[in-house]
Protein backbone atom coordinates (compact mmCIF):
# COMPACT_ATOMS: atom_id res chain seq x y z
CA MET A 1 -59.90 -21.27 45.57
CA SER A 2 -57.35 -22.65 43.13
CA GLN A 3 -59.09 -26.01 43.17
CA GLN A 4 -62.52 -24.60 42.23
CA ARG A 5 -62.38 -24.63 38.44
CA HIS A 6 -64.63 -27.70 38.59
CA LEU A 7 -67.43 -25.29 39.58
CA ILE A 8 -67.35 -23.42 36.26
CA PRO A 9 -69.57 -25.93 34.36
CA PHE A 10 -72.20 -25.58 37.09
CA LEU A 11 -72.13 -21.80 36.64
CA GLU A 12 -72.31 -22.06 32.87
CA GLY A 13 -75.50 -24.12 33.20
CA ILE A 14 -77.05 -22.25 36.13
CA ASP A 15 -79.42 -20.41 33.82
CA SER A 16 -81.26 -23.68 33.26
CA ALA A 17 -82.80 -23.33 36.74
CA VAL A 18 -86.33 -22.01 37.15
CA VAL A 19 -86.71 -20.84 40.74
CA GLY A 20 -90.15 -20.50 42.31
CA CYS A 21 -89.92 -17.67 44.86
CA VAL A 22 -92.42 -17.07 47.65
CA GLY A 23 -92.17 -14.54 50.46
CA ASP A 24 -91.98 -10.94 51.58
CA ILE A 25 -91.13 -8.43 48.87
CA MET A 26 -90.21 -4.86 49.79
CA LEU A 27 -89.18 -1.53 48.37
CA ASP A 28 -85.74 -0.20 49.27
CA ARG A 29 -85.47 3.57 48.87
CA PHE A 30 -82.07 5.27 49.03
CA VAL A 31 -81.82 8.99 49.72
CA TYR A 32 -78.39 10.48 48.99
CA GLY A 33 -77.05 13.87 49.99
CA GLN A 34 -74.41 15.92 51.75
CA VAL A 35 -73.98 16.86 55.38
CA SER A 36 -72.23 20.15 56.15
CA ARG A 37 -73.83 21.27 59.42
CA ILE A 38 -75.59 20.16 62.59
CA SER A 39 -79.24 21.05 63.14
CA PRO A 40 -79.86 23.94 65.55
CA GLU A 41 -82.98 22.11 66.74
CA ALA A 42 -81.23 18.96 67.95
CA PRO A 43 -77.69 17.50 67.87
CA ILE A 44 -78.25 15.69 64.58
CA PRO A 45 -76.77 16.17 61.08
CA VAL A 46 -78.76 18.02 58.43
CA LEU A 47 -78.88 16.06 55.16
CA ARG A 48 -79.14 18.18 52.02
CA ILE A 49 -80.83 15.75 49.61
CA GLU A 50 -79.26 15.46 46.14
CA SER A 51 -80.73 12.27 44.65
CA GLN A 52 -82.94 9.29 45.35
CA LYS A 53 -83.36 5.83 43.88
CA CYS A 54 -85.54 2.78 44.50
CA MET A 55 -84.65 -0.91 44.35
CA LEU A 56 -86.38 -4.18 45.11
CA GLY A 57 -85.74 -5.38 48.64
CA GLY A 58 -86.40 -8.48 50.72
CA LEU A 59 -87.42 -11.29 48.39
CA GLY A 60 -87.02 -8.70 45.63
CA ASN A 61 -83.27 -8.59 46.17
CA VAL A 62 -83.14 -12.36 45.69
CA ILE A 63 -85.10 -11.86 42.45
CA ARG A 64 -82.53 -9.30 41.29
CA ASN A 65 -79.71 -11.76 42.02
CA LEU A 66 -81.49 -14.57 40.17
CA GLY A 67 -81.97 -12.25 37.21
CA ALA A 68 -78.24 -11.48 37.19
CA LEU A 69 -77.57 -15.23 37.08
CA GLY A 70 -79.84 -15.62 34.05
CA CYS A 71 -82.32 -17.93 35.80
CA GLY A 72 -86.00 -18.32 35.11
CA ILE A 73 -88.12 -16.92 37.96
CA ARG A 74 -91.68 -17.53 39.13
CA LEU A 75 -92.51 -14.92 41.77
CA PHE A 76 -95.40 -15.20 44.24
CA SER A 77 -95.90 -12.42 46.77
CA ILE A 78 -98.27 -9.83 48.23
CA THR A 79 -98.00 -6.04 48.30
CA GLY A 80 -100.20 -3.31 49.63
CA ASP A 81 -102.62 -1.48 47.34
CA ASP A 82 -100.47 1.65 47.45
CA ALA A 83 -97.87 3.66 45.54
CA ALA A 84 -95.01 1.54 46.92
CA GLY A 85 -96.78 -1.59 45.68
CA THR A 86 -97.07 -0.07 42.22
CA LYS A 87 -93.37 0.77 42.25
CA VAL A 88 -92.50 -2.79 43.30
CA SER A 89 -94.60 -4.15 40.44
CA ASP A 90 -92.86 -1.84 37.96
CA LEU A 91 -89.39 -2.86 39.18
CA VAL A 92 -90.27 -6.55 38.98
CA LYS A 93 -91.12 -6.10 35.31
CA GLU A 94 -87.52 -5.02 34.70
CA VAL A 95 -86.10 -8.35 35.96
CA PRO A 96 -85.37 -10.65 33.00
CA ARG A 97 -87.15 -14.01 32.73
CA CYS A 98 -89.40 -13.20 35.69
CA GLU A 99 -93.09 -14.14 35.67
CA ALA A 100 -94.82 -12.63 38.68
CA TRP A 101 -98.04 -13.11 40.59
CA LEU A 102 -98.05 -10.05 42.85
CA LEU A 103 -101.38 -9.84 44.66
CA ARG A 104 -102.54 -6.67 46.35
CA GLU A 105 -104.22 -6.46 49.73
CA ALA A 106 -105.90 -3.17 50.56
CA SER A 107 -105.44 -3.52 54.32
CA ARG A 108 -101.69 -3.88 54.04
CA GLY A 109 -98.90 -1.41 53.50
CA THR A 110 -96.08 -2.45 51.18
CA PRO A 111 -92.91 -2.69 53.33
CA VAL A 112 -90.58 0.23 52.57
CA LYS A 113 -87.08 0.73 53.96
CA ILE A 114 -85.68 4.23 53.52
CA ARG A 115 -81.94 4.69 53.93
CA TYR A 116 -80.44 8.18 54.26
CA ILE A 117 -76.84 8.23 53.05
CA ALA A 118 -74.08 10.84 52.99
CA HIS A 119 -70.43 10.34 52.01
CA ASN A 120 -71.06 6.58 51.58
CA GLN A 121 -72.19 6.44 55.21
CA GLN A 122 -75.71 5.45 56.24
CA LEU A 123 -77.06 8.06 58.66
CA LEU A 124 -80.50 6.62 59.35
CA ARG A 125 -82.92 3.91 58.26
CA ALA A 126 -86.66 4.46 58.50
CA ASP A 127 -89.09 1.57 57.95
CA GLU A 128 -92.74 1.62 56.91
CA GLU A 129 -94.24 -1.86 57.19
CA THR A 130 -97.10 -4.12 58.11
CA THR A 131 -96.20 -7.36 59.89
CA ASP A 132 -99.69 -8.83 60.27
CA THR A 133 -100.39 -12.19 58.68
CA ALA A 134 -101.76 -11.88 55.16
CA GLY A 135 -105.52 -12.32 55.09
CA PRO A 136 -106.96 -15.78 54.33
CA GLU A 137 -108.52 -14.71 51.04
CA VAL A 138 -105.34 -13.29 49.50
CA SER A 139 -103.23 -16.13 50.97
CA GLU A 140 -105.50 -18.75 49.38
CA ALA A 141 -105.37 -16.94 46.04
CA LEU A 142 -101.57 -16.81 46.19
CA LEU A 143 -101.39 -20.51 47.04
CA ALA A 144 -103.67 -21.31 44.09
CA HIS A 145 -101.34 -19.48 41.70
CA PHE A 146 -98.33 -21.24 43.24
CA THR A 147 -99.94 -24.69 42.96
CA ALA A 148 -100.85 -24.01 39.32
CA HIS A 149 -97.26 -23.10 38.38
CA VAL A 150 -94.97 -25.02 40.74
CA ALA A 151 -94.52 -27.77 38.14
CA GLU A 152 -92.67 -25.22 35.97
CA CYS A 153 -90.06 -24.72 38.70
CA SER A 154 -86.92 -26.78 39.23
CA ILE A 155 -86.68 -25.64 42.87
CA VAL A 156 -88.66 -23.50 45.34
CA PHE A 157 -87.24 -20.73 47.52
CA LEU A 158 -89.01 -19.22 50.55
CA SER A 159 -87.87 -15.81 51.81
CA ASP A 160 -89.34 -15.05 55.25
CA TYR A 161 -88.79 -11.50 56.46
CA ALA A 162 -91.65 -11.75 59.01
CA LYS A 163 -93.79 -9.25 57.07
CA GLY A 164 -96.83 -11.54 56.85
CA VAL A 165 -96.70 -13.55 53.62
CA LEU A 166 -95.21 -16.65 55.30
CA LYS A 167 -96.46 -15.98 58.80
CA GLY A 168 -98.39 -18.55 60.84
CA PRO A 169 -99.26 -21.71 58.88
CA ASN A 170 -98.51 -20.16 55.48
CA ALA A 171 -94.87 -21.29 55.25
CA GLN A 172 -95.81 -24.89 55.96
CA THR A 173 -98.62 -24.75 53.40
CA PHE A 174 -96.25 -23.67 50.61
CA ILE A 175 -93.57 -26.19 51.64
CA ARG A 176 -96.07 -29.05 51.55
CA ALA A 177 -97.38 -27.96 48.16
CA ALA A 178 -93.83 -27.81 46.79
CA ARG A 179 -92.86 -31.20 48.23
CA ALA A 180 -96.06 -32.74 46.87
CA ALA A 181 -94.94 -31.55 43.44
CA GLY A 182 -91.54 -33.20 43.95
CA LYS A 183 -89.59 -29.95 44.38
CA SER A 184 -86.73 -29.25 46.78
CA VAL A 185 -87.26 -26.25 49.04
CA VAL A 186 -84.67 -23.73 50.27
CA VAL A 187 -85.74 -21.47 53.15
CA ASP A 188 -84.22 -18.18 54.31
CA PRO A 189 -85.81 -18.06 57.80
CA LYS A 190 -86.65 -15.43 60.35
CA GLY A 191 -87.15 -15.41 64.12
CA SER A 192 -87.90 -18.52 66.17
CA GLY A 193 -90.40 -21.33 65.76
CA PHE A 194 -88.65 -23.16 62.94
CA GLU A 195 -91.27 -25.92 63.16
CA ARG A 196 -93.13 -23.98 60.47
CA TYR A 197 -90.31 -24.85 58.02
CA ARG A 198 -90.72 -28.59 58.58
CA LEU A 199 -89.73 -30.78 55.59
CA ALA A 200 -87.74 -28.07 53.83
CA THR A 201 -84.63 -29.32 52.03
CA VAL A 202 -82.20 -26.59 53.13
CA ILE A 203 -82.72 -23.97 55.86
CA LYS A 204 -80.27 -21.05 55.88
CA PRO A 205 -80.15 -19.18 59.22
CA ASN A 206 -77.47 -16.73 60.23
CA LEU A 207 -75.86 -17.00 63.66
CA LYS A 208 -78.38 -14.68 65.32
CA GLU A 209 -81.31 -16.63 63.88
CA LEU A 210 -79.71 -19.94 64.86
CA ALA A 211 -79.35 -18.77 68.48
CA GLU A 212 -82.90 -17.38 68.61
CA ALA A 213 -84.45 -20.49 67.09
CA THR A 214 -82.71 -22.93 69.46
CA GLY A 215 -81.96 -20.94 72.60
CA MET A 216 -78.47 -22.45 72.47
CA SER A 217 -74.95 -21.03 72.42
CA VAL A 218 -73.36 -20.42 69.03
CA ALA A 219 -69.97 -19.35 70.42
CA ASP A 220 -67.84 -21.79 68.40
CA ASN A 221 -68.02 -24.42 65.66
CA ALA A 222 -69.00 -27.23 68.02
CA ALA A 223 -71.78 -25.16 69.58
CA GLN A 224 -73.06 -24.06 66.16
CA GLU A 225 -73.14 -27.66 64.99
CA SER A 226 -75.07 -28.75 68.09
CA ALA A 227 -77.62 -25.99 67.59
CA ALA A 228 -77.95 -26.80 63.88
CA ARG A 229 -78.49 -30.49 64.59
CA LYS A 230 -81.27 -29.55 66.99
CA LEU A 231 -82.92 -27.69 64.09
CA LEU A 232 -82.48 -30.74 61.87
CA ASP A 233 -84.39 -32.80 64.43
CA VAL A 234 -87.13 -30.18 64.79
CA THR A 235 -87.60 -29.49 61.07
CA GLU A 236 -86.63 -32.85 59.50
CA ALA A 237 -84.69 -30.82 56.95
CA GLU A 238 -81.83 -32.41 55.01
CA PHE A 239 -79.35 -29.57 55.57
CA ILE A 240 -78.83 -26.54 57.77
CA LEU A 241 -76.52 -23.93 56.22
CA VAL A 242 -75.33 -21.40 58.79
CA THR A 243 -74.04 -18.11 57.39
CA ARG A 244 -71.49 -16.59 59.75
CA GLY A 245 -70.42 -13.29 58.19
CA GLY A 246 -66.65 -12.90 58.10
CA THR A 247 -66.19 -16.46 59.37
CA GLY A 248 -67.79 -18.02 56.31
CA MET A 249 -70.44 -20.75 56.27
CA LEU A 250 -71.06 -24.01 58.08
CA LEU A 251 -73.01 -26.79 56.37
CA ILE A 252 -74.61 -29.41 58.62
CA PRO A 253 -75.98 -32.42 56.69
CA ARG A 254 -78.45 -34.69 58.44
CA ASN A 255 -76.34 -37.87 58.41
CA GLN A 256 -72.84 -36.62 57.61
CA PRO A 257 -70.10 -34.56 59.30
CA ARG A 258 -70.19 -30.78 59.16
CA VAL A 259 -68.38 -28.96 56.35
CA GLU A 260 -66.77 -25.54 56.83
CA PHE A 261 -66.52 -22.95 54.06
CA PRO A 262 -64.18 -20.09 55.03
CA ALA A 263 -65.05 -16.55 53.94
CA LEU A 264 -63.41 -15.60 50.63
CA ALA A 265 -63.74 -11.80 50.51
CA ARG A 266 -60.42 -10.02 50.02
CA GLU A 267 -61.86 -6.68 51.23
CA ILE A 268 -65.21 -6.03 52.90
CA TYR A 269 -66.95 -2.74 52.09
CA ASP A 270 -70.63 -3.52 52.68
CA VAL A 271 -72.44 -6.69 53.80
CA SER A 272 -75.89 -5.37 52.76
CA GLY A 273 -77.78 -8.00 50.80
CA ALA A 274 -75.02 -10.62 50.97
CA GLY A 275 -77.43 -13.11 52.52
CA ASP A 276 -79.82 -12.65 49.60
CA THR A 277 -76.97 -13.31 47.16
CA VAL A 278 -76.09 -16.50 49.02
CA ALA A 279 -79.72 -17.60 48.94
CA ALA A 280 -80.12 -16.88 45.23
CA VAL A 281 -76.94 -18.66 44.13
CA LEU A 282 -77.63 -21.60 46.44
CA ALA A 283 -81.17 -22.10 45.12
CA ALA A 284 -80.20 -21.56 41.48
CA ALA A 285 -77.25 -23.96 41.65
CA LEU A 286 -79.33 -26.68 43.31
CA GLY A 287 -82.11 -26.06 40.82
CA SER A 288 -79.72 -26.51 37.89
CA GLY A 289 -78.45 -29.88 39.16
CA ALA A 290 -75.45 -29.04 41.34
CA GLY A 291 -74.85 -30.99 44.54
CA ILE A 292 -75.13 -29.28 47.90
CA ALA A 293 -71.35 -28.90 48.33
CA GLU A 294 -70.92 -27.30 44.89
CA ALA A 295 -73.93 -25.04 45.45
CA VAL A 296 -72.56 -23.79 48.79
CA GLU A 297 -69.10 -23.24 47.28
CA LEU A 298 -70.61 -21.10 44.52
CA ALA A 299 -72.74 -19.17 47.00
CA ASN A 300 -69.68 -18.55 49.15
CA ILE A 301 -67.70 -17.18 46.19
CA ALA A 302 -70.60 -14.92 45.20
CA ALA A 303 -70.88 -13.60 48.76
CA GLY A 304 -67.17 -12.74 48.70
CA ILE A 305 -67.76 -10.67 45.56
CA VAL A 306 -70.78 -8.66 46.74
CA VAL A 307 -69.35 -7.70 50.13
CA GLY A 308 -66.50 -6.07 48.22
CA LYS A 309 -69.01 -3.64 46.65
CA VAL A 310 -70.98 -0.77 48.15
CA GLY A 311 -74.72 -1.23 48.64
CA THR A 312 -76.99 -4.19 47.90
CA ALA A 313 -74.86 -5.32 44.97
CA LEU A 314 -75.21 -8.31 42.62
CA ALA A 315 -72.81 -10.95 41.36
CA ASP A 316 -73.50 -12.21 37.86
CA ARG A 317 -72.18 -15.41 36.29
CA SER A 318 -69.32 -13.72 34.48
CA GLU A 319 -68.05 -12.14 37.70
CA ILE A 320 -68.15 -15.43 39.59
CA ILE A 321 -66.37 -17.27 36.79
CA HIS A 322 -63.76 -14.51 36.58
CA GLU A 323 -63.21 -14.76 40.33
CA ILE A 324 -62.63 -18.51 40.07
CA GLU A 325 -60.36 -18.21 37.05
CA HIS A 326 -58.39 -15.34 38.59
CA ALA A 327 -57.76 -17.32 41.76
CA SER A 328 -57.03 -20.44 39.72
CA ALA A 329 -54.48 -18.81 37.42
CA ILE A 330 -51.65 -20.81 38.97
CA ALA A 331 -53.40 -24.04 37.95
CA ALA A 332 -52.09 -23.81 34.38
CA SER A 333 -52.42 -27.57 33.88
CA SER A 334 -56.21 -27.24 34.05
CA LYS A 335 -56.09 -25.13 30.85
CA ILE A 336 -54.43 -27.92 28.82
CA LEU A 337 -57.23 -29.76 27.06
CA ARG A 338 -57.82 -32.57 24.63
CA PRO A 339 -59.86 -31.54 21.56
CA THR A 340 -63.03 -33.14 22.96
CA GLU A 341 -62.52 -31.28 26.25
CA ALA A 342 -61.98 -28.03 24.35
CA VAL A 343 -65.28 -28.54 22.50
CA GLU A 344 -67.08 -28.99 25.83
CA ARG A 345 -65.47 -25.92 27.39
CA LEU A 346 -66.19 -23.83 24.30
CA ARG A 347 -69.84 -24.94 24.47
CA GLY A 348 -70.02 -23.60 28.02
CA TRP A 349 -68.41 -20.30 27.00
CA ARG A 350 -70.95 -19.89 24.23
CA ARG A 351 -73.77 -20.49 26.69
CA MET A 352 -72.40 -17.46 28.50
CA GLY A 353 -72.61 -15.44 25.28
CA TRP A 354 -68.82 -15.10 25.04
CA ARG A 355 -66.85 -14.60 21.82
CA VAL A 356 -64.18 -17.31 21.42
CA GLY A 357 -60.92 -16.87 19.53
CA PHE A 358 -58.35 -19.38 18.22
CA THR A 359 -54.73 -19.08 17.19
CA HIS A 360 -52.02 -21.67 16.65
CA GLY A 361 -48.33 -22.30 16.12
CA ASP A 362 -45.43 -24.30 17.47
CA PHE A 363 -44.17 -21.37 19.60
CA ASN A 364 -40.58 -22.55 19.36
CA PRO A 365 -39.06 -20.61 20.86
CA LEU A 366 -41.70 -18.50 22.59
CA SER A 367 -40.83 -14.93 21.59
CA SER A 368 -41.91 -11.38 22.29
CA GLY A 369 -43.70 -11.50 18.94
CA HIS A 370 -45.77 -14.45 20.11
CA LEU A 371 -46.78 -12.53 23.21
CA GLU A 372 -47.92 -9.60 21.10
CA LEU A 373 -49.88 -11.96 18.84
CA LEU A 374 -51.63 -13.54 21.83
CA GLU A 375 -52.35 -10.16 23.39
CA GLN A 376 -53.88 -8.77 20.18
CA ALA A 377 -55.94 -11.91 19.59
CA ARG A 378 -57.25 -11.93 23.19
CA SER A 379 -58.20 -8.25 22.94
CA ARG A 380 -60.67 -9.19 20.17
CA CYS A 381 -62.48 -11.95 22.05
CA ASP A 382 -63.63 -13.04 25.52
CA ARG A 383 -61.73 -16.35 25.59
CA LEU A 384 -58.70 -17.47 23.56
CA ILE A 385 -57.79 -21.06 22.68
CA VAL A 386 -54.27 -21.82 21.45
CA GLY A 387 -53.64 -24.80 19.20
CA LEU A 388 -50.11 -26.08 19.83
CA ALA A 389 -48.58 -27.70 16.75
CA VAL A 390 -46.34 -30.68 17.52
CA ARG A 391 -44.41 -30.32 14.25
CA ASP A 392 -41.41 -28.14 15.03
CA SER A 393 -40.95 -25.49 12.33
CA ALA A 394 -37.44 -24.78 13.68
CA SER A 395 -36.18 -28.24 12.67
CA PRO A 396 -35.08 -28.87 9.06
CA ALA A 397 -37.78 -31.46 8.31
CA SER A 398 -40.51 -30.17 10.65
CA GLN A 399 -39.72 -33.01 13.01
CA LYS A 400 -42.36 -33.99 15.53
CA ILE A 401 -41.45 -33.03 19.08
CA SER A 402 -41.69 -35.48 21.97
CA PRO A 403 -44.85 -35.67 24.15
CA GLN A 404 -42.80 -34.40 27.10
CA ALA A 405 -41.61 -31.37 25.13
CA ALA A 406 -45.14 -30.71 23.83
CA HIS A 407 -46.59 -30.77 27.34
CA ALA A 408 -43.84 -28.49 28.67
CA ARG A 409 -44.51 -26.00 25.88
CA ALA A 410 -48.27 -26.26 26.48
CA PHE A 411 -47.76 -25.61 30.19
CA LEU A 412 -45.73 -22.49 29.43
CA LEU A 413 -48.47 -21.17 27.12
CA ALA A 414 -51.21 -22.02 29.64
CA SER A 415 -49.39 -19.95 32.26
CA LEU A 416 -49.90 -16.78 30.19
CA VAL A 417 -52.65 -14.39 31.21
CA HIS A 418 -53.98 -13.98 27.65
CA VAL A 419 -54.43 -17.73 27.11
CA ASP A 420 -57.59 -19.44 28.35
CA ALA A 421 -56.99 -22.93 26.95
CA VAL A 422 -54.29 -24.87 25.09
CA VAL A 423 -54.97 -27.83 22.80
CA ILE A 424 -52.03 -30.03 21.82
CA CYS A 425 -52.75 -30.79 18.17
CA ASP A 426 -51.77 -34.46 17.94
CA PRO A 427 -52.70 -36.41 15.88
CA GLU A 428 -54.98 -33.64 14.59
CA SER A 429 -53.46 -30.68 12.78
CA PRO A 430 -54.19 -27.15 14.06
CA ASP A 431 -56.49 -26.57 11.09
CA GLU A 432 -58.43 -29.74 11.91
CA VAL A 433 -58.83 -28.63 15.53
CA MET A 434 -59.93 -25.20 14.31
CA GLN A 435 -62.63 -26.75 12.10
CA VAL A 436 -63.93 -28.84 15.01
CA LEU A 437 -64.07 -25.85 17.35
CA ARG A 438 -65.47 -23.34 14.84
CA PRO A 439 -64.41 -20.28 16.85
CA ASN A 440 -65.78 -16.78 16.32
CA LEU A 441 -62.28 -15.46 15.56
CA VAL A 442 -59.13 -17.03 14.10
CA ALA A 443 -55.95 -14.97 14.52
CA GLN A 444 -52.62 -15.73 12.86
CA LEU A 445 -49.67 -14.22 11.06
CA SER A 446 -50.39 -13.45 7.42
CA THR A 447 -47.39 -15.50 6.24
CA ASN A 448 -48.67 -18.79 7.68
CA GLY A 449 -50.49 -21.28 5.46
CA ASN A 450 -52.95 -20.99 2.60
CA MET A 451 -54.95 -17.87 3.49
CA ASP A 452 -57.60 -18.20 0.76
CA LEU A 453 -58.50 -21.74 1.79
CA LYS A 454 -58.51 -20.85 5.47
CA ARG A 455 -60.66 -17.78 4.83
CA ARG A 456 -63.27 -19.89 3.00
CA LEU A 457 -63.31 -22.44 5.84
CA ILE A 458 -63.82 -19.77 8.48
CA GLU A 459 -66.51 -17.94 6.53
CA ALA A 460 -68.41 -21.25 6.27
CA TRP A 461 -69.29 -20.98 9.98
CA ASN A 462 -69.58 -17.16 10.01
CA GLY A 463 -66.24 -16.71 11.74
CA GLU A 464 -63.76 -13.86 11.42
CA LEU A 465 -60.16 -14.15 10.26
CA LEU A 466 -57.75 -11.71 11.87
CA LEU A 467 -54.49 -11.48 9.90
CA LEU A 468 -51.52 -9.88 11.64
CA GLU A 469 -48.40 -8.80 9.79
CA ALA A 470 -45.27 -10.66 10.87
CA THR A 471 -43.17 -7.53 10.50
CA ALA A 472 -45.09 -5.88 13.32
CA PHE A 473 -43.73 -8.31 15.88
CA GLY A 474 -40.40 -8.87 17.50
CA THR A 475 -38.68 -12.23 17.23
CA GLU A 476 -36.50 -12.17 20.29
CA PRO A 477 -36.86 -15.41 22.27
CA LEU A 478 -37.85 -15.02 25.89
């Protein structure tokens, strides 16, 4: 993952996507308790219930993931006219930036999945659901809402859980409406008969679905590719993305070689909802302008995060960026930026709502005091930029150091965990770089420079000046 820092700008702009979501929405109910005995009536555990909670499931879990990514959402689905449908509607209202058209059909029951859990172990799942095709009247009304609002979407996502919303001709009707509006379509499929997904842009089956849809072996990479290419012929899709659990993902483009994406999870605790996370990140990334390879890479990283959590967890933008930066820490050279590059990176950080700090010096030699300064500065912000002065304060006439020496010093600073970017200030002075960047926080030793002037400059853009006493720091070189 050390070569994936190029994905960060795509993540920083992923909230520009507006994803139109159509499909089967459900209610996930979790019942938690303790088991201390076996029932005298049958050889089964007795669960003493302690707490319960409800979450959105099915398409709803994709909605939750899109909300965590900061995307705009247009939701189109059908519930039953029942208490579970009311609860689904209430939970949808809690998802940020989500506009919903949830239609009710009296003859349906809202799908509910009840999971009984003790000691982090699922004991039983009980489902209440209707799988009949949605009635023509409610389906036509839903399509009318979709057609009226699809222009607002940057991409369309179909989530088929075989609960009736996309059953029969419905999936094809929504795909054609989306394509007529010029929108790409990502499909999370179910069962066989993939002809109903014809003309989708990306279809995302897992291995079981791939085998069921084609009747072919999926025993190895070659077999999976053959089966996926059969689906490409049947559906005329542009891409088939096969999710393969602990093996990762396999992308099959229509006219290009396959691309493998190995699984990235360090530890796997729970795979629940990982497919929905993949779908959400994939659709959002494509909808914000990423290419298919970048979108799959981001989805793969997000999947590695959520399977390391218990339950149907989410991965937000900050977590995904942190995962990339953590794995890319050895790539210190990618933190060394020109001033124009620093401005662009800072703009992305601000889009994330992060507080950016700045400090500067010649760091010659790098001392324990410098490390304390950097640590204190970084503790007050989300990202820290270091301006490296090329005038050497250790020389009698503040002689300018060589480019080679400046880069070596910058590389050393960039290797530190508290430093997120280094700008070599040449020909600009550190103060000039600071004024261009306009950070939220400027940290420096109180003995450096004209403090009154610097304070006035920083206050001009509503920044904060953090003055640290030089006596508080050691001066031993490392």
